[in-house]
């Protein structure tokens, strides 16, 4: 059974919206993964800076 002509356009619009939402969800998931990796990288850089500063201070004391 075919939907009435006025409903066919709405159905197509809803299908299109569903596809776009799916793409947005994938983009959001990717951005969240990138954010997590950046946070981990920031922690590593801060750790390296702390280590460098400690080593530098120890060197300057001698």
PDB file of N, CA and C in Angstrom:
ATOM      1  N   UNK A   1       0.830  -1.176   0.000  1.00  0.00           N
ATOM      2  CA  UNK A   1       0.000   0.000   0.000  1.00  0.00           C
ATOM      3  C   UNK A   1       0.882   1.248   0.000  1.00  0.00           C
ATOM      4  N   UNK A   2       0.683   2.108  -0.925  1.00  0.00           N
ATOM      5  CA  UNK A   2       1.469   3.336  -1.050  1.00  0.00           C
ATOM      6  C   UNK A   2       0.851   4.445  -0.208  1.00  0.00           C
ATOM      7  N   UNK A   3       1.739   5.237   0.420  1.00  0.00           N
ATOM      8  CA  UNK A   3       1.222   6.368   1.199  1.00  0.00           C
ATOM      9  C   UNK A   3       0.666   7.443   0.265  1.00  0.00           C
ATOM     10  N   UNK A   4      -0.207   8.284   0.778  1.00  0.00           N
ATOM     11  CA  UNK A   4      -0.723   9.383  -0.040  1.00  0.00           C
ATOM     12  C   UNK A   4       0.434  10.297  -0.462  1.00  0.00           C
ATOM     13  N   UNK A   5       0.283  11.008  -1.555  1.00  0.00           N
ATOM     14  CA  UNK A   5       1.365  11.866  -2.065  1.00  0.00           C
ATOM     15  C   UNK A   5       1.900  12.861  -1.030  1.00  0.00           C
ATOM     16  N   UNK A   6       1.027  13.452  -0.231  1.00  0.00           N
ATOM     17  CA  UNK A   6       1.490  14.423   0.756  1.00  0.00           C
ATOM     18  C   UNK A   6       2.340  13.759   1.836  1.00  0.00           C
ATOM     19  N   UNK A   7       2.095  12.470   2.105  1.00  0.00           N
ATOM     20  CA  UNK A   7       2.850  11.758   3.141  1.00  0.00           C
ATOM     21  C   UNK A   7       4.188  11.259   2.607  1.00  0.00           C
ATOM     22  N   UNK A   8       4.264  10.998   1.313  1.00  0.00           N
ATOM     23  CA  UNK A   8       5.510  10.483   0.732  1.00  0.00           C
ATOM     24  C   UNK A   8       6.659  11.480   0.958  1.00  0.00           C
ATOM     25  N   UNK A   9       6.388  12.748   0.778  1.00  0.00           N
ATOM     26  CA  UNK A   9       7.411  13.773   1.016  1.00  0.00           C
ATOM     27  C   UNK A   9       7.853  13.807   2.460  1.00  0.00           C
ATOM     28  N   UNK A  10       6.908  13.686   3.378  1.00  0.00           N
ATOM     29  CA  UNK A  10       7.247  13.671   4.809  1.00  0.00           C
ATOM     30  C   UNK A  10       8.092  12.454   5.157  1.00  0.00           C
ATOM     31  N   UNK A  11       7.737  11.319   4.581  1.00  0.00           N
ATOM     32  CA  UNK A  11       8.493  10.089   4.849  1.00  0.00           C
ATOM     33  C   UNK A  11       9.928  10.243   4.345  1.00  0.00           C
ATOM     34  N   UNK A  12      10.088  10.803   3.159  1.00  0.00           N
ATOM     35  CA  UNK A  12      11.434  11.029   2.629  1.00  0.00           C
ATOM     36  C   UNK A  12      12.222  11.993   3.514  1.00  0.00           C
ATOM     37  N   UNK A  13      11.556  13.040   3.990  1.00  0.00           N
ATOM     38  CA  UNK A  13      12.224  14.000   4.884  1.00  0.00           C
ATOM     39  C   UNK A  13      12.670  13.325   6.179  1.00  0.00           C
ATOM     40  N   UNK A  14      11.832  12.488   6.739  1.00  0.00           N
ATOM     41  CA  UNK A  14      12.168  11.787   7.983  1.00  0.00           C
ATOM     42  C   UNK A  14      13.345  10.839   7.757  1.00  0.00           C
ATOM     43  N   UNK A  15      13.349  10.144   6.635  1.00  0.00           N
ATOM     44  CA  UNK A  15      14.478   9.258   6.324  1.00  0.00           C
ATOM     45  C   UNK A  15      15.770  10.054   6.213  1.00  0.00           C
ATOM     46  N   UNK A  16      15.696  11.205   5.568  1.00  0.00           N
ATOM     47  CA  UNK A  16      16.870  12.059   5.418  1.00  0.00           C
ATOM     48  C   UNK A  16      17.369  12.549   6.780  1.00  0.00           C
ATOM     49  N   UNK A  17      16.451  12.942   7.622  1.00  0.00           N
ATOM     50  CA  UNK A  17      16.815  13.403   8.971  1.00  0.00           C
ATOM     51  C   UNK A  17      17.478  12.277   9.753  1.00  0.00           C
ATOM     52  N   UNK A  18      16.943  11.071   9.641  1.00  0.00           N
ATOM     53  CA  UNK A  18      17.528   9.930  10.350  1.00  0.00           C
ATOM     54  C   UNK A  18      18.962   9.683   9.897  1.00  0.00           C
ATOM     55  N   UNK A  19      19.221   9.812   8.602  1.00  0.00           N
ATOM     56  CA  UNK A  19      20.569   9.617   8.083  1.00  0.00           C
ATOM     57  C   UNK A  19      21.508  10.702   8.600  1.00  0.00           C
ATOM     58  N   UNK A  20      21.030  11.937   8.631  1.00  0.00           N
ATOM     59  CA  UNK A  20      21.860  13.041   9.112  1.00  0.00           C
ATOM     60  C   UNK A  20      22.165  12.897  10.595  1.00  0.00           C
ATOM     61  N   UNK A  21      21.183  12.480  11.369  1.00  0.00           N
ATOM     62  CA  UNK A  21      21.400  12.282  12.807  1.00  0.00           C
ATOM     63  C   UNK A  21      22.428  11.178  13.030  1.00  0.00           C
ATOM     64  N   UNK A  22      22.354  10.139  12.222  1.00  0.00           N
ATOM     65  CA  UNK A  22      23.319   9.051  12.326  1.00  0.00           C
ATOM     66  C   UNK A  22      24.732   9.559  12.065  1.00  0.00           C
ATOM     67  N   UNK A  23      24.876  10.417  11.062  1.00  0.00           N
ATOM     68  CA  UNK A  23      26.186  10.993  10.751  1.00  0.00           C
ATOM     69  C   UNK A  23      26.666  11.880  11.893  1.00  0.00           C
ATOM     70  N   UNK A  24      25.758  12.656  12.458  1.00  0.00           N
ATOM     71  CA  UNK A  24      26.118  13.529  13.577  1.00  0.00           C
ATOM     72  C   UNK A  24      26.578  12.697  14.770  1.00  0.00           C
ATOM     73  N   UNK A  25      25.909  11.594  15.031  1.00  0.00           N
ATOM     74  CA  UNK A  25      26.306  10.712  16.129  1.00  0.00           C
ATOM     75  C   UNK A  25      27.719  10.181  15.911  1.00  0.00           C
ATOM     76  N   UNK A  26      28.042   9.817  14.681  1.00  0.00           N
ATOM     77  CA  UNK A  26      29.385   9.309  14.379  1.00  0.00           C
ATOM     78  C   UNK A  26      30.426  10.413  14.549  1.00  0.00           C
ATOM     79  N   UNK A  27      30.090  11.614  14.121  1.00  0.00           N
ATOM     80  CA  UNK A  27      31.009  12.743  14.286  1.00  0.00           C
ATOM     81  C   UNK A  27      31.225  13.025  15.769  1.00  0.00           C
ATOM     82  N   UNK A  28      30.145  13.010  16.543  1.00  0.00           N
ATOM     83  CA  UNK A  28      30.259  13.256  17.986  1.00  0.00           C
ATOM     84  C   UNK A  28      31.135  12.199  18.646  1.00  0.00           C
ATOM     85  N   UNK A  29      30.965  10.964  18.250  1.00  0.00           N
ATOM     86  CA  UNK A  29      31.781   9.878  18.807  1.00  0.00           C
ATOM     87  C   UNK A  29      33.261  10.098  18.474  1.00  0.00           C
ATOM     88  N   UNK A  30      33.540  10.492  17.248  1.00  0.00           N
ATOM     89  CA  UNK A  30      34.924  10.758  16.841  1.00  0.00           C
ATOM     90  C   UNK A  30      35.515  11.930  17.622  1.00  0.00           C
ATOM     91  N   UNK A  31      34.732  12.994  17.777  1.00  0.00           N
ATOM     92  CA  UNK A  31      35.206  14.161  18.527  1.00  0.00           C
ATOM     93  C   UNK A  31      35.482  13.780  19.982  1.00  0.00           C
ATOM     94  N   UNK A  32      34.641  12.962  20.562  1.00  0.00           N
ATOM     95  CA  UNK A  32      34.857  12.520  21.943  1.00  0.00           C
ATOM     96  C   UNK A  32      36.147  11.706  22.064  1.00  0.00           C
ATOM     97  N   UNK A  33      36.420  10.860  21.083  1.00  0.00           N
ATOM     98  CA  UNK A  33      37.659  10.082  21.102  1.00  0.00           C
ATOM     99  C   UNK A  33      38.871  10.993  20.979  1.00  0.00           C
ATOM    100  N   UNK A  34      38.782  11.975  20.096  1.00  0.00           N
ATOM    101  CA  UNK A  34      39.889  12.924  19.918  1.00  0.00           C
ATOM    102  C   UNK A  34      40.103  13.724  21.199  1.00  0.00           C
ATOM    103  N   UNK A  35      39.023  14.149  21.830  1.00  0.00           N
ATOM    104  CA  UNK A  35      39.117  14.909  23.076  1.00  0.00           C
ATOM    105  C   UNK A  35      39.805  14.085  24.155  1.00  0.00           C
ATOM    106  N   UNK A  36      39.434  12.825  24.268  1.00  0.00           N
ATOM    107  CA  UNK A  36      40.058  11.948  25.264  1.00  0.00           C
ATOM    108  C   UNK A  36      41.554  11.811  24.998  1.00  0.00           C
ATOM    109  N   UNK A  37      41.922  11.607  23.741  1.00  0.00           N
ATOM    110  CA  UNK A  37      43.341  11.473  23.403  1.00  0.00           C
ATOM    111  C   UNK A  37      44.098  12.764  23.690  1.00  0.00           C
ATOM    112  N   UNK A  38      43.477  13.912  23.416  1.00  0.00           N
ATOM    113  CA  UNK A  38      44.121  15.194  23.706  1.00  0.00           C
ATOM    114  C   UNK A  38      44.306  15.386  25.207  1.00  0.00           C
ATOM    115  N   UNK A  39      43.325  14.973  25.984  1.00  0.00           N
ATOM    116  CA  UNK A  39      43.450  15.081  27.442  1.00  0.00           C
ATOM    117  C   UNK A  39      44.591  14.203  27.944  1.00  0.00           C
ATOM    118  N   UNK A  40      44.707  13.005  27.392  1.00  0.00           N
ATOM    119  CA  UNK A  40      45.803  12.112  27.783  1.00  0.00           C
ATOM    120  C   UNK A  40      47.148  12.709  27.384  1.00  0.00           C
ATOM    121  N   UNK A  41      47.195  13.296  26.194  1.00  0.00           N
ATOM    122  CA  UNK A  41      48.427  13.933  25.726  1.00  0.00           C
ATOM    123  C   UNK A  41      48.793  15.118  26.616  1.00  0.00           C
ATOM    124  N   UNK A  42      47.799  15.885  27.028  1.00  0.00           N
ATOM    125  CA  UNK A  42      48.042  17.025  27.914  1.00  0.00           C
ATOM    126  C   UNK A  42      48.647  16.556  29.236  1.00  0.00           C
ATOM    127  N   UNK A  43      48.150  15.466  29.761  1.00  0.00           N
ATOM    128  CA  UNK A  43      48.688  14.918  31.011  1.00  0.00           C
ATOM    129  C   UNK A  43      50.140  14.499  30.817  1.00  0.00           C
ATOM    130  N   UNK A  44      50.417  13.856  29.691  1.00  0.00           N
ATOM    131  CA  UNK A  44      51.795  13.425  29.422  1.00  0.00           C
ATOM    132  C   UNK A  44      52.732  14.622  29.287  1.00  0.00           C
ATOM    133  N   UNK A  45      52.281  15.663  28.612  1.00  0.00           N
ATOM    134  CA  UNK A  45      53.117  16.853  28.441  1.00  0.00           C
ATOM    135  C   UNK A  45      53.363  17.518  29.792  1.00  0.00           C
ATOM    136  N   UNK A  46      52.335  17.612  30.605  1.00  0.00           N
ATOM    137  CA  UNK A  46      52.515  18.219  31.937  1.00  0.00           C
ATOM    138  C   UNK A  46      53.484  17.395  32.780  1.00  0.00           C
ATOM    139  N   UNK A  47      53.389  16.088  32.678  1.00  0.00           N
ATOM    140  CA  UNK A  47      54.305  15.213  33.408  1.00  0.00           C
ATOM    141  C   UNK A  47      55.738  15.435  32.945  1.00  0.00           C
ATOM    142  N   UNK A  48      55.903  15.545  31.642  1.00  0.00           N
ATOM    143  CA  UNK A  48      57.245  15.804  31.094  1.00  0.00           C
ATOM    144  C   UNK A  48      57.754  17.164  31.547  1.00  0.00           C
ATOM    145  N   UNK A  49      56.896  18.173  31.554  1.00  0.00           N
ATOM    146  CA  UNK A  49      57.311  19.510  31.999  1.00  0.00           C
ATOM    147  C   UNK A  49      57.736  19.480  33.462  1.00  0.00           C
ATOM    148  N   UNK A  50      56.958  18.782  34.274  1.00  0.00           N
ATOM    149  CA  UNK A  50      57.288  18.677  35.696  1.00  0.00           C
ATOM    150  C   UNK A  50      58.629  17.984  35.878  1.00  0.00           C
ATOM    151  N   UNK A  51      58.822  16.913  35.146  1.00  0.00           N
ATOM    152  CA  UNK A  51      60.081  16.173  35.223  1.00  0.00           C
ATOM    153  C   UNK A  51      61.246  17.036  34.758  1.00  0.00           C
ATOM    154  N   UNK A  52      61.046  17.751  33.668  1.00  0.00           N
ATOM    155  CA  UNK A  52      62.094  18.624  33.156  1.00  0.00           C
ATOM    156  C   UNK A  52      62.441  19.705  34.173  1.00  0.00           C
ATOM    157  N   UNK A  53      61.424  20.328  34.750  1.00  0.00           N
ATOM    158  CA  UNK A  53      61.657  21.392  35.728  1.00  0.00           C
ATOM    159  C   UNK A  53      62.392  20.862  36.948  1.00  0.00           C
ATOM    160  N   UNK A  54      62.013  19.673  37.400  1.00  0.00           N
ATOM    161  CA  UNK A  54      62.682  19.077  38.555  1.00  0.00           C
ATOM    162  C   UNK A  54      64.149  18.810  38.220  1.00  0.00           C
ATOM    163  N   UNK A  55      64.389  18.218  37.053  1.00  0.00           N
ATOM    164  CA  UNK A  55      65.758  17.911  36.641  1.00  0.00           C
ATOM    165  C   UNK A  55      66.557  19.199  36.480  1.00  0.00           C
ATOM    166  N   UNK A  56      65.962  20.207  35.901  1.00  0.00           N
ATOM    167  CA  UNK A  56      66.635  21.481  35.700  1.00  0.00           C
ATOM    168  C   UNK A  56      66.987  22.121  37.039  1.00  0.00           C
ATOM    169  N   UNK A  57      66.075  22.063  37.994  1.00  0.00           N
ATOM    170  CA  UNK A  57      66.338  22.622  39.314  1.00  0.00           C
ATOM    171  C   UNK A  57      67.464  21.875  40.002  1.00  0.00           C
ATOM    172  N   UNK A  58      67.459  20.564  39.862  1.00  0.00           N
ATOM    173  CA  UNK A  58      68.525  19.761  40.476  1.00  0.00           C
ATOM    174  C   UNK A  58      69.867  20.096  39.847  1.00  0.00           C
ATOM    175  N   UNK A  59      69.882  20.304  38.547  1.00  0.00           N
ATOM    176  CA  UNK A  59      71.125  20.628  37.845  1.00  0.00           C
ATOM    177  C   UNK A  59      71.633  21.995  38.274  1.00  0.00           C
ATOM    178  N   UNK A  60      70.714  22.960  38.447  1.00  0.00           N
ATOM    179  CA  UNK A  60      71.127  24.301  38.819  1.00  0.00           C
ATOM    180  C   UNK A  60      71.660  24.352  40.244  1.00  0.00           C
ATOM    181  N   UNK A  61      71.227  23.421  41.079  1.00  0.00           N
ATOM    182  CA  UNK A  61      71.701  23.409  42.469  1.00  0.00           C
ATOM    183  C   UNK A  61      73.119  22.900  42.593  1.00  0.00           C
ATOM    184  N   UNK A  62      73.570  22.170  41.587  1.00  0.00           N
ATOM    185  CA  UNK A  62      74.920  21.608  41.686  1.00  0.00           C
ATOM    186  C   UNK A  62      75.946  22.513  41.108  1.00  0.00           C
TER     187      UNK A  62
END
